Protein backbone atom coordinates (compact mmCIF):
# COMPACT_ATOMS: atom_id res chain seq x y z
CA MET A 1 -0.83 19.83 108.87
CA ALA A 2 -4.08 18.23 108.46
CA ASP A 3 -5.18 17.15 104.88
CA VAL A 4 -6.55 18.60 102.06
CA ASP A 5 -9.39 17.21 100.38
CA THR A 6 -9.20 17.60 96.92
CA THR A 7 -12.02 16.22 95.81
CA ASP A 8 -14.40 18.85 97.63
CA THR A 9 -12.23 21.51 96.84
CA ALA A 10 -12.34 20.60 92.99
CA GLY A 11 -16.57 20.25 93.25
CA ALA A 12 -16.79 23.79 95.13
CA ALA A 13 -18.58 26.30 92.97
CA GLY A 14 -15.70 28.33 91.43
CA ALA A 15 -13.10 26.33 91.65
CA VAL A 16 -11.41 25.11 88.38
CA PRO A 17 -10.59 21.73 88.56
CA LEU A 18 -7.02 20.38 88.10
CA PRO A 19 -6.27 18.81 84.31
CA ALA A 20 -5.08 15.15 84.68
CA ARG A 21 -1.97 13.54 83.76
CA GLY A 22 -1.31 14.26 79.78
CA GLY A 23 -5.08 15.30 79.74
CA PRO A 24 -5.22 17.54 76.66
CA ARG A 25 -3.01 15.23 74.55
CA ARG A 26 -4.61 12.13 75.41
CA ARG A 27 -7.86 13.73 74.04
CA THR A 28 -6.45 15.14 70.83
CA ALA A 29 -4.96 11.53 70.38
CA LEU A 30 -7.87 10.00 70.47
CA LEU A 31 -9.59 12.12 68.53
CA ALA A 32 -7.29 11.72 65.93
CA SER A 33 -7.69 8.30 66.12
CA ALA A 34 -11.70 8.17 65.83
CA GLY A 35 -11.45 10.34 62.81
CA ALA A 36 -9.14 7.69 61.14
CA VAL A 37 -11.87 5.22 61.98
CA VAL A 38 -14.45 7.13 60.43
CA VAL A 39 -12.33 7.60 57.09
CA THR A 40 -11.57 4.06 57.12
CA ALA A 41 -15.24 3.13 57.85
CA VAL A 42 -16.29 5.52 54.85
CA ALA A 43 -13.81 3.60 51.87
CA VAL A 44 -14.56 0.29 53.77
CA VAL A 45 -18.41 1.06 53.07
CA GLY A 46 -17.97 2.08 49.46
CA ALA A 47 -16.07 -0.71 48.54
CA LEU A 48 -18.11 -3.21 50.22
CA GLY A 49 -21.11 -1.95 48.32
CA LEU A 50 -19.28 -3.37 45.27
CA GLY A 51 -19.33 -7.01 46.57
CA GLY A 52 -22.26 -9.41 46.57
CA GLY A 53 -23.43 -9.09 43.36
CA ALA A 54 -25.26 -5.68 43.60
CA GLU A 55 -25.30 -3.10 41.05
CA GLU A 56 -23.99 0.26 43.12
CA GLY A 57 -22.97 0.79 46.19
CA PRO A 58 -24.27 3.49 49.10
CA SER A 59 -23.08 6.93 48.00
CA ALA A 60 -19.86 8.18 49.81
CA PRO A 61 -18.24 11.43 50.19
CA SER A 62 -16.99 13.01 47.29
CA ARG A 63 -13.42 12.94 46.47
CA ALA A 64 -11.34 15.03 44.18
CA GLY A 65 -10.38 14.35 40.72
CA SER A 66 -11.60 15.11 37.13
CA VAL A 67 -15.10 13.81 35.95
CA VAL A 68 -15.06 11.81 32.09
CA ALA A 69 -17.78 10.27 30.21
CA VAL A 70 -18.15 6.54 28.89
CA THR A 71 -17.89 6.55 25.40
CA ARG A 72 -18.62 4.16 22.51
CA ALA A 73 -14.80 3.70 20.53
CA THR A 74 -12.70 1.27 18.61
CA LEU A 75 -9.79 0.36 20.43
CA THR A 76 -6.75 -1.04 18.32
CA GLU A 77 -3.94 -2.70 20.49
CA ARG A 78 -0.80 -1.36 18.60
CA THR A 79 2.69 -3.75 18.89
CA GLN A 80 5.95 -2.35 17.92
CA VAL A 81 8.82 -4.41 16.55
CA ASP A 82 12.35 -3.22 15.33
CA GLY A 83 13.31 -3.06 12.16
CA ARG A 84 15.86 -1.65 9.36
CA LEU A 85 15.75 1.02 6.44
CA GLY A 86 17.56 0.00 2.97
CA TYR A 87 16.80 -1.42 -0.09
CA GLY A 88 16.73 -5.23 0.02
CA THR A 89 19.03 -7.93 -0.26
CA GLU A 90 21.37 -7.70 -2.66
CA ILE A 91 21.12 -10.49 -5.67
CA PRO A 92 23.55 -11.31 -7.78
CA LEU A 93 22.99 -10.25 -11.60
CA PRO A 94 22.96 -13.17 -13.91
CA VAL A 95 25.23 -12.06 -16.29
CA ARG A 96 26.16 -14.67 -19.01
CA ALA A 97 28.98 -12.43 -20.94
CA THR A 98 32.24 -14.53 -20.81
CA GLY A 99 35.72 -12.63 -21.13
CA THR A 100 37.35 -9.77 -18.86
CA VAL A 101 35.75 -7.48 -17.00
CA THR A 102 37.23 -3.83 -18.22
CA TRP A 103 34.64 -1.51 -16.03
CA LEU A 104 32.04 -1.63 -13.38
CA PRO A 105 29.95 1.01 -12.23
CA GLU A 106 29.97 2.92 -9.35
CA GLN A 107 28.38 1.42 -5.57
CA GLY A 108 24.48 2.79 -5.49
CA VAL A 109 24.14 4.00 -8.87
CA THR A 110 21.09 3.71 -10.76
CA VAL A 111 20.83 1.94 -14.08
CA ARG A 112 17.72 2.15 -16.31
CA ARG A 113 16.69 0.40 -19.58
CA GLY A 114 19.29 0.46 -22.09
CA GLY A 115 22.33 1.30 -19.43
CA ALA A 116 25.76 -0.49 -19.17
CA LEU A 117 25.92 -2.74 -16.46
CA LEU A 118 29.51 -3.06 -17.09
CA ARG A 119 31.71 -4.15 -19.67
CA VAL A 120 33.34 -7.32 -20.77
CA ASP A 121 35.91 -7.47 -23.41
CA ASP A 122 35.24 -3.82 -23.71
CA ARG A 123 31.61 -4.53 -24.52
CA PRO A 124 28.69 -3.47 -22.90
CA VAL A 125 26.22 -5.51 -20.99
CA VAL A 126 23.14 -3.54 -21.60
CA LEU A 127 20.07 -3.74 -19.16
CA LEU A 128 16.41 -4.30 -20.19
CA TYR A 129 13.31 -4.96 -18.53
CA GLY A 130 11.65 -8.59 -18.64
CA ARG A 131 11.28 -11.36 -16.16
CA LEU A 132 12.12 -14.24 -19.01
CA PRO A 133 15.99 -14.43 -18.77
CA MET A 134 17.92 -14.25 -21.73
CA TYR A 135 18.46 -17.74 -22.66
CA ARG A 136 19.66 -18.23 -26.39
CA ASP A 137 21.41 -15.89 -29.47
CA LEU A 138 18.94 -13.54 -30.68
CA GLY A 139 18.55 -13.22 -34.89
CA LEU A 140 18.21 -14.74 -38.19
CA THR A 141 19.22 -18.28 -38.68
CA ALA A 142 20.52 -18.77 -42.38
CA THR A 143 19.87 -22.34 -44.04
CA THR A 144 21.19 -23.90 -47.01
CA ASP A 145 19.15 -24.72 -49.76
CA THR A 146 19.52 -28.01 -50.71
CA THR A 147 16.86 -27.90 -53.69
CA GLY A 148 18.15 -30.40 -56.78
CA THR A 149 19.82 -32.83 -54.57
CA THR A 150 18.23 -36.53 -54.53
CA ASP A 151 16.25 -37.63 -51.31
CA PRO A 152 17.34 -41.34 -50.80
CA THR A 153 13.75 -42.02 -49.18
CA ASP A 154 12.30 -41.41 -52.43
CA SER A 155 10.76 -44.12 -54.01
CA GLU A 156 11.03 -43.31 -57.59
CA SER A 157 14.46 -41.84 -57.50
CA THR A 158 15.42 -45.18 -55.98
CA GLU A 159 13.96 -47.44 -58.72
CA ALA A 160 15.09 -45.14 -61.29
CA SER A 161 19.06 -45.56 -59.88
CA GLY A 162 18.74 -48.63 -59.05
CA SER A 163 18.67 -50.26 -62.53
CA GLY A 164 19.95 -49.72 -65.56
CA ALA A 165 18.89 -50.46 -69.34
CA ASP A 166 20.30 -54.05 -68.85
CA GLY A 167 18.87 -54.22 -65.31
CA GLU A 168 22.27 -53.48 -63.54
CA ARG A 169 21.91 -51.20 -60.88
CA ALA A 170 23.09 -47.53 -61.93
CA ALA A 171 25.68 -45.20 -59.75
CA PRO A 172 23.51 -42.75 -57.57
CA THR A 173 23.02 -39.28 -58.50
CA GLU A 174 25.56 -36.90 -57.51
CA PRO A 175 24.19 -33.63 -55.57
CA PRO A 176 25.32 -30.44 -56.91
CA ALA A 177 28.48 -29.01 -56.62
CA SER A 178 27.33 -25.84 -54.41
CA ALA A 179 24.01 -25.40 -52.66
CA GLU A 180 22.71 -22.10 -52.77
CA PRO A 181 21.64 -20.30 -49.21
CA SER A 182 17.75 -19.48 -48.82
CA ALA A 183 15.86 -17.05 -47.12
CA PRO A 184 16.78 -17.14 -43.54
CA THR A 185 14.56 -18.64 -40.76
CA GLU A 186 12.78 -16.52 -38.73
CA LEU A 187 13.17 -16.95 -34.71
CA LYS A 188 9.95 -17.13 -32.62
CA GLY A 189 9.31 -16.81 -28.91
CA MET A 190 8.15 -15.20 -25.97
CA ASP A 191 11.80 -13.82 -25.69
CA VAL A 192 11.72 -12.41 -29.00
CA LEU A 193 8.47 -10.34 -27.67
CA GLN A 194 9.89 -9.27 -24.88
CA PHE A 195 13.19 -7.98 -26.55
CA GLU A 196 11.68 -6.17 -29.48
CA THR A 197 9.00 -4.27 -26.76
CA ASN A 198 12.61 -2.90 -25.64
CA LEU A 199 13.97 -2.43 -28.50
CA ALA A 200 10.74 -0.12 -29.36
CA ALA A 201 11.11 1.56 -25.97
CA LEU A 202 14.44 2.24 -26.54
CA GLY A 203 13.19 4.02 -30.33
CA TYR A 204 14.45 1.39 -32.40
CA THR A 205 11.33 0.75 -34.67
CA GLY A 206 10.34 -0.06 -38.14
CA PHE A 207 9.17 -3.52 -37.45
CA THR A 208 6.42 -5.10 -35.82
CA VAL A 209 6.22 -6.16 -31.90
CA ASP A 210 5.34 -9.85 -32.15
CA GLU A 211 7.01 -13.26 -31.41
CA THR A 212 8.74 -13.11 -34.54
CA PHE A 213 12.42 -11.83 -34.95
CA THR A 214 12.09 -10.48 -38.81
CA ALA A 215 14.52 -9.21 -41.15
CA LYS A 216 13.18 -5.70 -40.04
CA THR A 217 14.27 -6.27 -36.19
CA ALA A 218 17.10 -7.51 -37.17
CA GLN A 219 17.62 -3.94 -39.00
CA ALA A 220 16.42 -1.99 -35.96
CA VAL A 221 19.08 -4.31 -34.34
CA GLU A 222 22.02 -2.74 -36.23
CA ARG A 223 20.80 0.54 -35.81
CA TRP A 224 20.60 0.02 -31.99
CA GLN A 225 24.17 -1.84 -32.02
CA ARG A 226 25.94 1.34 -33.63
CA SER A 227 24.65 3.54 -31.28
CA LEU A 228 26.71 1.15 -28.67
CA GLY A 229 29.43 1.32 -30.82
CA LEU A 230 29.26 -2.60 -31.10
CA PRO A 231 29.64 -4.29 -34.65
CA GLU A 232 26.25 -4.06 -36.92
CA THR A 233 25.74 -7.89 -36.92
CA GLY A 234 21.72 -7.77 -36.47
CA THR A 235 22.20 -10.52 -33.56
CA VAL A 236 21.78 -10.22 -30.03
CA GLY A 237 24.35 -12.22 -28.38
CA ILE A 238 23.37 -14.63 -24.86
CA GLY A 239 25.79 -12.10 -22.97
CA ASP A 240 24.89 -9.04 -24.20
CA VAL A 241 21.82 -8.03 -22.43
CA VAL A 242 20.39 -8.49 -18.79
CA TYR A 243 16.96 -8.61 -18.06
CA SER A 244 15.26 -7.41 -14.63
CA THR A 245 11.96 -6.19 -13.68
CA GLY A 246 12.92 -2.76 -13.55
CA LEU A 247 15.33 -0.21 -12.61
CA VAL A 248 18.32 -1.71 -10.64
CA ARG A 249 20.50 -0.14 -8.11
CA ILE A 250 23.71 -1.41 -8.37
CA GLY A 251 25.65 -3.09 -5.31
CA ARG A 252 28.72 -4.72 -4.20
CA PRO A 253 31.12 -6.23 -7.02
CA GLY A 254 31.77 -9.71 -6.84
CA VAL A 255 35.30 -9.44 -8.97
CA ARG A 256 37.70 -6.42 -9.38
CA LEU A 257 38.62 -4.97 -12.97
CA GLY A 258 40.58 -7.62 -14.95
CA GLY A 259 38.75 -10.44 -13.57
CA ALA A 260 36.69 -12.76 -15.08
CA ALA A 261 33.19 -12.23 -15.85
CA GLY A 262 30.37 -14.83 -14.55
CA GLU A 263 27.54 -14.86 -12.56
CA ASN A 264 28.59 -13.39 -9.46
CA THR A 265 30.69 -10.24 -11.14
CA LEU A 266 28.09 -7.70 -9.83
CA THR A 267 24.90 -7.53 -7.03
CA TYR A 268 22.10 -5.30 -7.67
CA THR A 269 18.99 -4.25 -5.49
CA GLY A 270 15.64 -2.73 -6.46
CA THR A 271 15.81 1.25 -6.30
CA ALA A 272 12.44 1.50 -3.63
CA ARG A 273 13.35 1.81 -0.17
CA LYS A 274 12.04 -1.08 2.25
CA VAL A 275 12.13 -2.36 5.67
CA VAL A 276 12.72 -5.81 6.56
CA VAL A 277 12.17 -6.80 10.29
CA ASP A 278 13.43 -10.05 11.82
CA ALA A 279 9.80 -11.09 13.35
CA SER A 280 9.30 -13.63 16.07
CA ALA A 281 8.53 -16.97 14.92
CA ALA A 282 5.84 -17.61 17.42
CA ASP A 283 4.08 -14.16 17.28
CA ALA A 284 4.24 -13.29 13.25
CA ALA A 285 0.29 -14.01 12.84
CA TRP A 286 0.61 -10.19 12.12
CA ALA A 287 2.65 -10.41 8.88
CA VAL A 288 0.59 -11.30 6.42
CA ARG A 289 1.26 -9.99 2.87
CA GLY A 290 -0.89 -7.24 2.63
CA THR A 291 -1.28 -6.17 6.19
CA GLY A 292 -0.77 -2.16 6.31
CA VAL A 293 1.40 -0.95 9.02
CA ARG A 294 3.14 2.13 10.13
CA VAL A 295 7.15 2.70 9.90
CA ARG A 296 8.71 5.24 12.25
CA LEU A 297 11.74 6.56 11.37
CA PRO A 298 14.56 7.76 13.35
CA ASP A 299 14.09 11.23 12.83
CA GLY A 300 10.57 10.53 14.69
CA THR A 301 7.89 11.15 11.57
CA THR A 302 5.86 8.08 10.73
CA VAL A 303 5.25 6.77 7.50
CA LYS A 304 2.71 4.08 5.83
CA GLY A 305 3.78 0.59 4.84
CA GLU A 306 2.48 -2.45 3.84
CA VAL A 307 3.38 -6.37 4.30
CA ALA A 308 5.05 -7.29 1.20
CA SER A 309 6.77 -11.21 1.67
CA VAL A 310 7.20 -13.24 4.71
CA GLY A 311 9.95 -15.50 4.95
CA LYS A 312 9.07 -19.29 5.06
CA GLN A 313 12.25 -20.38 6.82
CA ALA A 314 12.87 -19.99 10.90
CA ALA A 315 16.52 -18.69 11.99
CA PRO A 316 17.96 -18.59 15.38
CA GLU A 317 17.49 -14.98 16.52
CA GLY A 318 20.22 -12.67 15.63
CA GLY A 319 20.98 -14.90 12.78
CA GLY A 320 23.73 -17.21 14.53
CA GLU A 321 23.93 -20.87 14.88
CA GLY A 322 21.99 -21.89 17.81
CA ASP A 323 18.96 -23.82 19.33
CA PRO A 324 16.06 -21.54 18.21
CA GLU A 325 14.16 -23.33 21.70
CA GLN A 326 16.76 -21.09 23.19
CA GLY A 327 17.01 -18.20 21.90
CA GLY A 328 13.77 -17.95 19.94
CA ALA A 329 13.51 -18.20 15.94
CA THR A 330 12.57 -15.23 14.03
CA VAL A 331 11.60 -14.96 10.10
CA PRO A 332 12.17 -12.42 8.12
CA VAL A 333 9.30 -9.92 7.09
CA THR A 334 9.73 -7.20 4.13
CA VAL A 335 7.71 -4.18 4.53
CA THR A 336 7.20 -1.79 1.15
CA ILE A 337 6.70 1.94 1.31
CA ARG A 338 4.53 2.83 -1.74
CA ASP A 339 5.46 6.68 -0.81
CA GLN A 340 9.23 7.11 -0.86
CA LYS A 341 9.20 10.85 -1.32
CA SER A 342 8.31 10.54 2.29
CA VAL A 343 11.06 8.75 3.73
CA GLY A 344 12.87 11.74 2.56
CA ARG A 345 16.97 11.20 1.61
CA LEU A 346 17.42 8.84 4.38
CA GLU A 347 18.77 5.26 2.75
CA SER A 348 18.93 3.14 5.32
CA GLY A 349 19.32 2.87 9.47
CA PRO A 350 17.00 1.43 12.34
CA VAL A 351 13.25 1.99 12.24
CA THR A 352 10.08 1.01 14.44
CA VAL A 353 7.49 -0.91 12.83
CA GLU A 354 4.01 -0.84 14.42
CA TYR A 355 1.39 -3.28 13.67
CA VAL A 356 -2.25 -3.87 15.07
CA GLY A 357 -2.33 -6.83 16.71
CA ARG A 358 -6.04 -6.85 18.11
CA GLU A 359 -8.92 -4.51 17.79
CA ALA A 360 -12.49 -4.06 19.94
CA LYS A 361 -14.98 -1.94 17.47
CA ASP A 362 -17.68 -0.03 18.85
CA VAL A 363 -17.17 -0.98 22.84
CA LEU A 364 -17.68 1.42 26.07
CA ALA A 365 -14.46 2.60 27.19
CA VAL A 366 -12.69 4.90 29.73
CA PRO A 367 -9.14 6.27 30.45
CA VAL A 368 -7.48 3.67 32.54
CA ALA A 369 -7.03 5.85 35.03
CA ALA A 370 -10.76 6.02 35.86
CA LEU A 371 -10.37 2.17 36.73
CA VAL A 372 -10.29 1.77 40.81
CA ALA A 373 -9.09 -1.82 42.34
CA LEU A 374 -12.26 -3.48 44.37
CA ALA A 375 -11.22 -4.73 48.23
CA GLU A 376 -12.56 -8.31 47.21
CA GLY A 377 -10.77 -7.93 43.91
CA GLY A 378 -11.80 -6.72 40.31
CA HIS A 379 -12.12 -3.17 39.04
CA GLY A 380 -14.58 -0.72 39.16
CA LEU A 381 -15.63 3.01 38.47
CA GLU A 382 -16.73 5.65 41.09
CA THR A 383 -19.33 7.45 39.61
CA GLU A 384 -19.91 11.13 39.83
CA GLN A 385 -22.50 11.12 42.57
CA GLY A 386 -19.90 9.01 44.41
CA ARG A 387 -21.00 5.71 44.45
CA PHE A 388 -18.86 2.36 42.94
CA VAL A 389 -19.91 -0.11 39.96
CA ALA A 390 -18.13 -3.05 39.19
CA VAL A 391 -16.94 -3.55 35.68
CA ARG A 392 -15.68 -5.94 33.51
CA THR A 393 -12.44 -5.08 31.54
CA GLY A 394 -11.37 -6.07 28.20
CA LEU A 395 -8.73 -4.66 25.51
CA PHE A 396 -6.23 -2.38 26.81
CA ALA A 397 -5.38 0.42 24.14
CA ASP A 398 -4.43 3.94 23.19
CA GLY A 399 -4.40 4.95 26.83
CA LYS A 400 -8.17 3.53 27.20
CA VAL A 401 -9.57 0.35 28.52
CA GLU A 402 -12.83 -1.78 27.61
CA VAL A 403 -15.25 -1.83 30.29
CA SER A 404 -18.80 -3.60 30.74
CA GLY A 405 -21.59 -4.61 32.98
CA PRO A 406 -25.32 -4.23 33.76
CA ALA A 407 -24.59 -0.77 35.65
CA VAL A 408 -22.16 0.67 32.99
CA ARG A 409 -23.63 3.15 29.89
CA GLU A 410 -22.68 5.46 27.26
CA GLY A 411 -22.71 9.08 28.93
CA MET A 412 -22.29 8.11 32.42
CA LYS A 413 -20.28 10.41 34.27
CA VAL A 414 -17.15 8.85 36.15
CA ARG A 415 -14.55 10.43 38.18
CA ILE A 416 -10.52 10.02 37.49
CA PRO A 417 -9.16 10.03 41.34
CA GLU A 418 -6.03 12.23 41.88
C-alpha cells in the first residue's frame, strides 16, 4: 500500500485540515491566560500610577461600587469603658448619741430634713442640713451673779481690809451667803446660724436667724422638742441631730437593735444615682472633673453624664492585692447624672461609659470603606473616572477616616469598591 501524503491532501482545495491533538482546548486555555495577563496588567498599571510621587495615575476601567463625595467634617474618637450604676459608696453617719439603739429605718429609705434617722434610748436622732458637724450642745448658758463679793485683787479693798484702826490686819470680808443667778449667756457661732436656719426651715420661727442663740431661739426649740415628744428643755444636745448636705438614703446598719450606738451604727448615701468606673491609671487622661460623657444603660438607652471626681490612689485591677504592673492599676472615677428621670426606675447594674478620646475638627473625610491599599504601601482613593490618588490618613472615627493630600479636595467623588 502506498503511503498517503497528508500534507498535500490537507492543502488541497476544499479539504478540511485535521485538528491538531488537543487543539481547541489548548487554544481556549491560552486565550484565558492571555485575558488574565491583561487584567493583571491593568490592575498593576492603575496601582503603579500612584507611585513615584504622581498625584494622579492613568485611567483604569471603571469598577462596580457606590460613589461618595469627600466631605468636610469633625471626627470624634469615642472610647467605651465598663461602669457600675448605683448610689455611690456608703458612708457612716456621724452619730454622737450614746445609749441603746431602739429603732432603725429600712435600708433604701430616703430621709429628709427633720426626719428621724434612728432612735437611741427611744429618743429620735434628727437629720438636719449643713456642712458643719455638731460639736457642742446648743442653748442658753446660765451664769452666777457674784455682785457684792470682794475681788481680792482690788487694791482699795486690800488696803481697807489689811489694817484696822489700831494698825492690825482686819479679817477679810465674807461673800454673801447666796449668789443670785444673772441673765443666761447667749452662745454665738456659725453652728448656731446653721441650726437656726434649719429650725426656721422646719417652720419654727419667732427669732432672728443669725449667729446668736437667744431666749427666743430657746422658745422655738421647746416647740420643736414638743413635736418630737421630747422634754422641752430649750437646749439641743450634741447627739440629738446629725448634719448632712442634703437628703440621705439609708444604707446597711452597722449594729442590731439593742446594740450600743456609735459612729458606725448606720451608713448612708446620697439619693442621686451615679456611675463608678475603675479607669485604667495609665489611660485616665480623659477623667477630668467636669468632662461630659455618655452612659449606656442596660436597656440600650443613653443618658448624659459628667465626671464629678477622680480617685487619687491607684489600686490593682480587680481591687485585690498584687503587683499593679502585672494586672494593671485602676483609679475610681465617679460620674454623676444630672437628669435622674432619664435613668428611669433602674437603681443599680452594669453600664457602659463612653468618652471622647481624640477629636479632629474641620477635616476632609471619607468612609473607611473607600480606602484602597497601594501595591507600594500606603492608602489611596479611586476617583469616579477610575484614577487613583494617594492620600495620608489621620483619625479613624464614626466609620470615617480623615484624609489629606495634594490631589484631595472637598466634593471630589470617589468610589467604594464592592
